[in-house]
Amino acid sequence: MLTWEERAELESRWFPDAQQRLWGRFRSELAEAIGPHSLVLDAGGGKGSWFLRSHVGDARLVVGVDVERPPYHILDAFVQGALEALPFPTGTFDVVVCNDVIEHLVHPRESMAEIARVLRPPSQPGARDGGLFFFKTPSLHAPSTLITHMLPYRWHRGLKRFLGVPEENVFPTAFRCNTPSALDTCLREVGLEREWMLLVDGTFGYFAFNRPLYVLGLLYSRLAYAPFLRPIRSTIVGVYRRVR
């Protein structure tokens, strides 16, 4: 497996703005949304989403929730619970983050309705000051996702193991809400409105176990930003706001 330093060196040579293209807007707006009085929920992030690691201490409280209690966590607190029935009062959180979770949801609408419920509501009808929902999830139309979707679960686990992902971090996928149109429809139905949504490509990340393949992956991801290849980019990222 390539070290982070080796990956950064290859990215600087073959795709210098790879990380900015992937996470630049997401991370900068997440940083703006989290302040010293913010209550933040990491929904389905296990021990803690890497997006939030640098914000523990910036917010008033960062809470994780997942169906299984991890052996340890990096957040301020952790509560065991399912996204379909979040164990929090209505309007609790200023920010909810959902990192690589939506693809696993068997009942995505119910989960999104619960996320909308626990977000802070707008101060008055029509105001755009409600809580924010940040998400990242694979796009079903990407070749890498289609391969995952077609593989039996045990094969999927084997492939991930080959790519260096521990088996305990591999979960069954459903992909029931993993196109931009399906996700947008679902989120609007539960009272969230789009701030923005992007298709980005991080396919190169699957090949961090081999230097030549990582370079090829970087070149592929760089090519994927051609406008005509937008539909097959690997990842959907976005921010929605509670408006009712």
Protein backbone atom coordinates (compact mmCIF):
# COMPACT_ATOMS: atom_id res chain seq x y z
CA MET A 1 0.00 0.00 0.00
CA LEU A 2 1.34 3.43 -0.97
CA THR A 3 2.00 5.85 1.87
CA TRP A 4 0.17 9.18 1.98
CA GLU A 5 3.44 10.88 1.07
CA GLU A 6 3.87 8.65 -2.00
CA ARG A 7 0.31 9.33 -3.10
CA ALA A 8 0.78 13.07 -2.70
CA GLU A 9 3.98 12.93 -4.74
CA LEU A 10 2.25 11.08 -7.58
CA GLU A 11 -0.77 13.38 -7.48
CA SER A 12 1.43 16.46 -7.68
CA ARG A 13 2.98 15.08 -10.84
CA TRP A 14 0.01 13.50 -12.65
CA PHE A 15 -3.09 15.28 -11.32
CA PRO A 16 -2.07 18.29 -9.21
CA ASP A 17 -5.59 19.43 -8.33
CA ALA A 18 -7.02 15.97 -7.64
CA GLN A 19 -7.82 16.65 -3.98
CA GLN A 20 -9.16 20.14 -4.65
CA ARG A 21 -11.45 18.80 -7.38
CA LEU A 22 -12.68 16.06 -5.07
CA TRP A 23 -13.08 17.75 -1.69
CA GLY A 24 -12.22 21.43 -2.03
CA ARG A 25 -15.71 22.91 -1.96
CA PHE A 26 -17.06 20.29 0.45
CA ARG A 27 -14.34 20.80 3.03
CA SER A 28 -14.26 24.60 2.82
CA GLU A 29 -18.04 24.90 3.26
CA LEU A 30 -18.06 22.33 6.06
CA ALA A 31 -15.42 24.42 7.85
CA GLU A 32 -17.58 27.53 7.40
CA ALA A 33 -20.68 25.74 8.70
CA ILE A 34 -19.06 24.53 11.93
CA GLY A 35 -18.54 27.10 14.65
CA PRO A 36 -17.97 27.07 18.42
CA HIS A 37 -21.72 26.78 19.10
CA SER A 38 -22.47 24.10 16.47
CA LEU A 39 -23.98 20.73 17.27
CA VAL A 40 -22.78 18.27 14.64
CA LEU A 41 -23.94 14.72 13.88
CA ASP A 42 -21.77 12.15 12.11
CA ALA A 43 -24.51 9.86 10.75
CA GLY A 44 -23.33 6.30 10.13
CA GLY A 45 -19.64 7.17 10.35
CA GLY A 46 -18.56 4.38 12.69
CA LYS A 47 -15.58 5.57 14.71
CA GLY A 48 -15.79 8.95 12.98
CA SER A 49 -15.71 10.34 9.47
CA TRP A 50 -12.35 11.68 8.37
CA PHE A 51 -14.12 14.86 7.26
CA LEU A 52 -14.88 15.66 10.90
CA ARG A 53 -11.62 14.70 12.56
CA SER A 54 -10.15 18.17 12.25
CA HIS A 55 -13.37 19.75 13.56
CA VAL A 56 -13.51 17.98 16.90
CA GLY A 57 -12.80 20.89 19.23
CA ASP A 58 -14.06 23.49 16.75
CA ALA A 59 -17.72 22.65 17.42
CA ARG A 60 -19.67 22.69 20.66
CA LEU A 61 -20.24 18.94 20.25
CA VAL A 62 -19.62 16.34 17.53
CA VAL A 63 -21.73 13.21 18.04
CA GLY A 64 -21.50 9.94 16.12
CA VAL A 65 -24.38 7.53 15.58
CA ASP A 66 -24.25 4.07 14.01
CA VAL A 67 -26.03 0.73 14.27
CA GLU A 68 -22.97 -0.88 15.85
CA ARG A 69 -20.78 0.59 18.55
CA PRO A 70 -17.17 0.82 17.32
CA PRO A 71 -14.33 -0.35 19.58
CA TYR A 72 -13.24 3.29 19.81
CA HIS A 73 -14.22 6.64 18.33
CA ILE A 74 -12.54 9.96 17.60
CA LEU A 75 -15.58 12.17 18.27
CA ASP A 76 -16.85 13.92 21.39
CA ALA A 77 -19.57 11.32 21.95
CA PHE A 78 -21.14 8.25 20.36
CA VAL A 79 -24.71 6.95 20.47
CA GLN A 80 -25.80 3.57 19.13
CA GLY A 81 -28.84 3.78 16.86
CA ALA A 82 -30.21 3.35 13.35
CA LEU A 83 -30.56 6.16 10.83
CA GLU A 84 -34.18 5.13 10.24
CA ALA A 85 -34.98 6.02 13.87
CA LEU A 86 -32.42 8.51 15.16
CA PRO A 87 -32.41 8.75 18.98
CA PHE A 88 -32.37 12.56 19.09
CA PRO A 89 -35.03 15.27 19.52
CA THR A 90 -36.32 17.16 16.50
CA GLY A 91 -34.16 20.11 15.44
CA THR A 92 -31.11 19.17 17.50
CA PHE A 93 -28.24 19.57 15.03
CA ASP A 94 -26.83 22.45 13.01
CA VAL A 95 -24.88 20.12 10.71
CA VAL A 96 -25.26 16.47 9.74
CA VAL A 97 -22.51 14.67 7.81
CA CYS A 98 -23.10 11.40 5.96
CA ASN A 99 -19.89 9.96 4.50
CA ASP A 100 -20.16 6.78 2.37
CA VAL A 101 -23.40 5.73 4.05
CA ILE A 102 -26.27 6.33 1.61
CA GLU A 103 -25.20 3.42 -0.61
CA HIS A 104 -25.79 1.03 2.30
CA LEU A 105 -29.30 2.18 3.17
CA VAL A 106 -32.09 -0.29 2.52
CA HIS A 107 -34.68 2.39 3.35
CA PRO A 108 -33.05 5.64 2.21
CA ARG A 109 -36.16 7.81 2.31
CA GLU A 110 -36.85 6.93 5.95
CA SER A 111 -33.23 7.67 6.84
CA MET A 112 -33.23 10.98 4.97
CA ALA A 113 -36.50 11.96 6.67
CA GLU A 114 -34.88 11.33 10.06
CA ILE A 115 -31.82 13.38 9.10
CA ALA A 116 -34.11 16.22 8.02
CA ARG A 117 -36.05 15.93 11.28
CA VAL A 118 -33.01 16.26 13.56
CA LEU A 119 -31.60 19.23 11.63
CA ARG A 120 -32.28 22.71 12.97
CA PRO A 121 -35.41 24.12 11.25
CA PRO A 122 -35.49 27.56 9.59
CA SER A 123 -36.27 30.47 11.88
CA GLN A 124 -39.42 31.26 9.90
CA PRO A 125 -41.20 29.97 6.78
CA GLY A 126 -39.15 30.70 3.69
CA ALA A 127 -35.95 31.54 5.58
CA ARG A 128 -32.79 29.80 4.40
CA ASP A 129 -31.11 29.48 7.78
CA GLY A 130 -31.99 25.88 8.61
CA GLY A 131 -29.42 23.18 9.36
CA LEU A 132 -27.14 21.76 6.68
CA PHE A 133 -26.74 18.19 5.44
CA PHE A 134 -23.33 17.30 3.91
CA PHE A 135 -23.01 13.99 2.08
CA LYS A 136 -20.66 11.90 -0.03
CA THR A 137 -21.70 8.66 -1.73
CA PRO A 138 -20.75 6.61 -4.81
CA SER A 139 -22.59 7.28 -8.05
CA LEU A 140 -24.37 4.21 -9.40
CA HIS A 141 -23.48 5.14 -12.99
CA ALA A 142 -19.72 4.98 -12.38
CA PRO A 143 -17.93 1.87 -13.71
CA SER A 144 -16.35 1.18 -10.31
CA THR A 145 -19.76 1.30 -8.60
CA LEU A 146 -21.44 -0.88 -11.23
CA ILE A 147 -18.77 -3.54 -10.71
CA THR A 148 -19.34 -3.42 -6.96
CA HIS A 149 -23.10 -3.57 -7.44
CA MET A 150 -22.91 -6.67 -9.63
CA LEU A 151 -20.47 -8.61 -7.45
CA PRO A 152 -21.80 -10.98 -4.78
CA TYR A 153 -21.11 -9.62 -1.31
CA ARG A 154 -18.43 -12.22 -0.51
CA TRP A 155 -16.62 -11.33 -3.75
CA HIS A 156 -16.95 -7.67 -2.90
CA ARG A 157 -15.32 -8.30 0.48
CA GLY A 158 -12.52 -10.25 -1.20
CA LEU A 159 -11.90 -7.45 -3.68
CA LYS A 160 -11.80 -4.85 -0.92
CA ARG A 161 -9.40 -7.04 1.06
CA PHE A 162 -7.15 -7.18 -2.02
CA LEU A 163 -7.32 -3.38 -2.19
CA GLY A 164 -6.20 -3.16 1.44
CA VAL A 165 -9.56 -2.49 3.13
CA PRO A 166 -10.12 -4.52 6.33
CA GLU A 167 -13.09 -6.88 6.01
CA GLU A 168 -14.73 -5.41 9.11
CA ASN A 169 -14.99 -2.11 7.21
CA VAL A 170 -16.87 -3.64 4.26
CA PHE A 171 -20.67 -3.64 4.49
CA PRO A 172 -23.46 -4.81 2.15
CA THR A 173 -24.54 -2.20 -0.39
CA ALA A 174 -28.02 -1.48 -1.73
CA PHE A 175 -27.51 1.59 -4.01
CA ARG A 176 -31.21 2.48 -3.80
CA CYS A 177 -30.69 6.23 -3.95
CA ASN A 178 -27.34 6.63 -5.71
CA THR A 179 -27.99 8.75 -8.75
CA PRO A 180 -28.12 12.55 -8.61
CA SER A 181 -31.78 12.63 -9.70
CA ALA A 182 -32.94 9.94 -7.24
CA LEU A 183 -31.05 11.53 -4.36
CA ASP A 184 -32.31 15.01 -5.17
CA THR A 185 -35.90 13.77 -5.34
CA CYS A 186 -35.58 11.94 -2.03
CA LEU A 187 -34.06 14.89 -0.20
CA ARG A 188 -36.61 17.38 -1.51
CA GLU A 189 -39.47 15.11 -0.48
CA VAL A 190 -38.31 15.18 3.15
CA GLY A 191 -37.95 18.96 3.38
CA LEU A 192 -34.37 19.59 2.29
CA GLU A 193 -33.37 21.85 -0.59
CA ARG A 194 -30.20 21.80 -2.59
CA GLU A 195 -27.43 24.25 -1.97
CA TRP A 196 -25.28 22.37 -4.47
CA MET A 197 -24.52 18.88 -5.76
CA LEU A 198 -21.48 17.77 -7.76
CA LEU A 199 -20.28 14.65 -9.53
CA VAL A 200 -16.56 14.26 -8.85
CA ASP A 201 -14.11 11.45 -9.49
CA GLY A 202 -11.86 9.66 -7.02
CA THR A 203 -11.43 6.36 -8.87
CA PHE A 204 -7.67 6.60 -8.42
CA GLY A 205 -8.15 5.96 -4.70
CA TYR A 206 -9.02 2.32 -5.39
CA PHE A 207 -5.50 1.72 -6.73
CA ALA A 208 -3.41 2.95 -3.81
CA PHE A 209 -1.93 -0.55 -3.43
CA ASN A 210 0.23 -0.24 -6.58
CA ARG A 211 2.28 2.68 -7.90
CA PRO A 212 1.77 2.18 -11.69
CA LEU A 213 -1.96 1.51 -11.21
CA TYR A 214 -2.28 4.59 -9.02
CA VAL A 215 -0.80 6.67 -11.82
CA LEU A 216 -3.24 5.13 -14.31
CA GLY A 217 -6.06 5.82 -11.87
CA LEU A 218 -5.00 9.46 -11.59
CA LEU A 219 -4.97 9.80 -15.36
CA TYR A 220 -8.41 8.18 -15.57
CA SER A 221 -9.84 10.51 -12.92
CA ARG A 222 -8.27 13.50 -14.63
CA LEU A 223 -9.89 12.47 -17.91
CA ALA A 224 -13.24 11.96 -16.15
CA TYR A 225 -13.51 15.72 -15.66
CA ALA A 226 -14.09 16.13 -19.38
CA PRO A 227 -17.68 17.44 -19.59
CA PHE A 228 -18.94 14.53 -21.68
CA LEU A 229 -17.75 12.03 -19.02
CA ARG A 230 -19.55 13.77 -16.16
CA PRO A 231 -22.29 11.07 -15.91
CA ILE A 232 -19.76 8.32 -15.11
CA ARG A 233 -17.75 10.12 -12.42
CA SER A 234 -17.37 8.02 -9.31
CA THR A 235 -18.80 10.14 -6.50
CA ILE A 236 -21.74 12.37 -5.62
CA VAL A 237 -21.04 15.13 -3.08
CA GLY A 238 -23.41 17.84 -1.99
CA VAL A 239 -24.97 20.09 0.60
CA TYR A 240 -28.70 20.43 1.30
CA ARG A 241 -30.48 22.70 3.75
CA ARG A 242 -33.57 22.14 5.88
CA VAL A 243 -36.27 24.54 4.69
CA ARG A 244 -39.37 23.33 6.53
